[in-house]
Amino acid sequence: MYKIILHKKVIKFINSRNPKDKQKIKEKFELLQNNPYPVNFQIDSRKLQNRDGFRLRIGNYRFIYDVEENELVIYMEDADNRGDIY
């Protein structure tokens, strides 16, 4: 199982959401910990085309993350609304 590390910006973004959205984000993060790669059909994740890392879609929210395979760490780098993150 991977460990998720959140950047300060991601923590601030999550804390500003309503409780229902926070719960949905938490559930998706738990699924992501088991397999952070896009082959996981329980989460909507894709490899980014123009840079390193992956994109996780949760409703209208987007999370940018990178995987450190040798340490089993998922580093959440950025989070924002759809259209504002890219």
C-alpha atoms as a PDB file:
ATOM      1  CA  MET A   1       0.000   0.000   0.000  1.00  0.00           C
ATOM      2  CA  TYR A   2       1.228   3.467  -0.925  1.00  0.00           C
ATOM      3  CA  LYS A   3       1.414   6.428   1.435  1.00  0.00           C
ATOM      4  CA  ILE A   4      -0.156   9.695   0.259  1.00  0.00           C
ATOM      5  CA  ILE A   5       1.652  12.942   1.036  1.00  0.00           C
ATOM      6  CA  LEU A   6      -0.315  16.155   0.459  1.00  0.00           C
ATOM      7  CA  HIS A   7       1.223  19.482  -0.491  1.00  0.00           C
ATOM      8  CA  LYS A   8       0.067  22.503   1.575  1.00  0.00           C
ATOM      9  CA  LYS A   9      -1.961  23.785  -1.388  1.00  0.00           C
ATOM     10  CA  VAL A  10      -3.828  20.463  -1.646  1.00  0.00           C
ATOM     11  CA  ILE A  11      -4.606  20.439   2.085  1.00  0.00           C
ATOM     12  CA  LYS A  12      -5.970  23.987   1.850  1.00  0.00           C
ATOM     13  CA  PHE A  13      -8.078  23.039  -1.192  1.00  0.00           C
ATOM     14  CA  ILE A  14      -9.570  19.968   0.520  1.00  0.00           C
ATOM     15  CA  ASN A  15     -10.304  21.860   3.741  1.00  0.00           C
ATOM     16  CA  SER A  16     -12.275  24.479   1.794  1.00  0.00           C
ATOM     17  CA  ARG A  17     -14.688  21.842   0.389  1.00  0.00           C
ATOM     18  CA  ASN A  18     -18.006  20.856   1.944  1.00  0.00           C
ATOM     19  CA  PRO A  19     -18.199  17.693   4.120  1.00  0.00           C
ATOM     20  CA  LYS A  20     -19.811  15.588   1.372  1.00  0.00           C
ATOM     21  CA  ASP A  21     -17.021  16.403  -1.092  1.00  0.00           C
ATOM     22  CA  LYS A  22     -14.354  15.816   1.570  1.00  0.00           C
ATOM     23  CA  GLN A  23     -15.760  12.322   2.154  1.00  0.00           C
ATOM     24  CA  LYS A  24     -15.742  11.553  -1.585  1.00  0.00           C
ATOM     25  CA  ILE A  25     -12.122  12.754  -1.863  1.00  0.00           C
ATOM     26  CA  LYS A  26     -11.116  10.620   1.123  1.00  0.00           C
ATOM     27  CA  GLU A  27     -12.738   7.511  -0.407  1.00  0.00           C
ATOM     28  CA  LYS A  28     -10.956   8.020  -3.739  1.00  0.00           C
ATOM     29  CA  PHE A  29      -7.623   8.606  -2.008  1.00  0.00           C
ATOM     30  CA  GLU A  30      -8.064   5.289  -0.169  1.00  0.00           C
ATOM     31  CA  LEU A  31      -8.637   3.509  -3.495  1.00  0.00           C
ATOM     32  CA  LEU A  32      -5.631   5.308  -4.974  1.00  0.00           C
ATOM     33  CA  GLN A  33      -3.392   3.995  -2.185  1.00  0.00           C
ATOM     34  CA  ASN A  34      -3.910   0.426  -3.414  1.00  0.00           C
ATOM     35  CA  ASN A  35      -2.949   1.154  -7.030  1.00  0.00           C
ATOM     36  CA  PRO A  36      -2.014   4.692  -8.163  1.00  0.00           C
ATOM     37  CA  TYR A  37      -1.736   3.849 -11.859  1.00  0.00           C
ATOM     38  CA  PRO A  38      -4.398   4.436 -14.534  1.00  0.00           C
ATOM     39  CA  VAL A  39      -5.257   0.723 -14.895  1.00  0.00           C
ATOM     40  CA  ASN A  40      -7.387   1.024 -11.729  1.00  0.00           C
ATOM     41  CA  PHE A  41     -10.972   1.250 -13.024  1.00  0.00           C
ATOM     42  CA  GLN A  42     -12.403   2.363  -9.655  1.00  0.00           C
ATOM     43  CA  ILE A  43     -10.743   5.756 -10.023  1.00  0.00           C
ATOM     44  CA  ASP A  44     -10.490   8.114 -12.989  1.00  0.00           C
ATOM     45  CA  SER A  45      -6.758   8.585 -13.357  1.00  0.00           C
ATOM     46  CA  ARG A  46      -4.617   9.341 -16.414  1.00  0.00           C
ATOM     47  CA  LYS A  47      -0.978   9.927 -17.239  1.00  0.00           C
ATOM     48  CA  LEU A  48      -0.267  13.580 -18.037  1.00  0.00           C
ATOM     49  CA  GLN A  49       0.847  14.213 -21.603  1.00  0.00           C
ATOM     50  CA  ASN A  50       3.011  17.333 -21.389  1.00  0.00           C
ATOM     51  CA  ARG A  51       4.727  16.662 -18.074  1.00  0.00           C
ATOM     52  CA  ASP A  52       5.508  13.937 -15.572  1.00  0.00           C
ATOM     53  CA  GLY A  53       2.826  12.706 -13.246  1.00  0.00           C
ATOM     54  CA  PHE A  54      -0.805  11.707 -13.254  1.00  0.00           C
ATOM     55  CA  ARG A  55      -4.205  13.377 -13.068  1.00  0.00           C
ATOM     56  CA  LEU A  56      -6.946  12.160 -10.722  1.00  0.00           C
ATOM     57  CA  ARG A  57     -10.520  13.272 -11.436  1.00  0.00           C
ATOM     58  CA  ILE A  58     -13.047  13.410  -8.599  1.00  0.00           C
ATOM     59  CA  GLY A  59     -16.219  15.084  -9.875  1.00  0.00           C
ATOM     60  CA  ASN A  60     -15.285  18.602 -10.984  1.00  0.00           C
ATOM     61  CA  TYR A  61     -12.026  18.513  -9.039  1.00  0.00           C
ATOM     62  CA  ARG A  62      -8.631  17.595 -10.442  1.00  0.00           C
ATOM     63  CA  PHE A  63      -5.600  16.425  -8.489  1.00  0.00           C
ATOM     64  CA  ILE A  64      -2.082  16.231  -9.932  1.00  0.00           C
ATOM     65  CA  TYR A  65       0.140  13.592  -8.375  1.00  0.00           C
ATOM     66  CA  ASP A  66       3.427  11.815  -8.861  1.00  0.00           C
ATOM     67  CA  VAL A  67       4.433   8.333  -7.703  1.00  0.00           C
ATOM     68  CA  GLU A  68       7.749   7.521  -6.027  1.00  0.00           C
ATOM     69  CA  GLU A  69       7.875   3.784  -6.668  1.00  0.00           C
ATOM     70  CA  ASN A  70      11.033   3.032  -4.662  1.00  0.00           C
ATOM     71  CA  GLU A  71       9.495   4.598  -1.520  1.00  0.00           C
ATOM     72  CA  LEU A  72       5.838   3.627  -2.196  1.00  0.00           C
ATOM     73  CA  VAL A  73       4.765   7.268  -1.915  1.00  0.00           C
ATOM     74  CA  ILE A  74       2.098   9.211  -3.801  1.00  0.00           C
ATOM     75  CA  TYR A  75       2.839  12.943  -3.681  1.00  0.00           C
ATOM     76  CA  MET A  76      -0.235  15.114  -4.336  1.00  0.00           C
ATOM     77  CA  GLU A  77       1.259  18.218  -5.913  1.00  0.00           C
ATOM     78  CA  ASP A  78      -1.747  20.291  -6.897  1.00  0.00           C
ATOM     79  CA  ALA A  79      -5.547  20.428  -6.698  1.00  0.00           C
ATOM     80  CA  ASP A  80      -8.142  22.729  -8.186  1.00  0.00           C
ATOM     81  CA  ASN A  81     -11.430  22.907 -10.042  1.00  0.00           C
ATOM     82  CA  ARG A  82     -11.682  21.507 -13.543  1.00  0.00           C
ATOM     83  CA  GLY A  83     -10.345  24.022 -16.072  1.00  0.00           C
ATOM     84  CA  ASP A  84      -8.338  25.992 -13.497  1.00  0.00           C
ATOM     85  CA  ILE A  85      -5.620  23.437 -12.853  1.00  0.00           C
ATOM     86  CA  TYR A  86      -3.955  22.957 -16.251  1.00  0.00           C
END
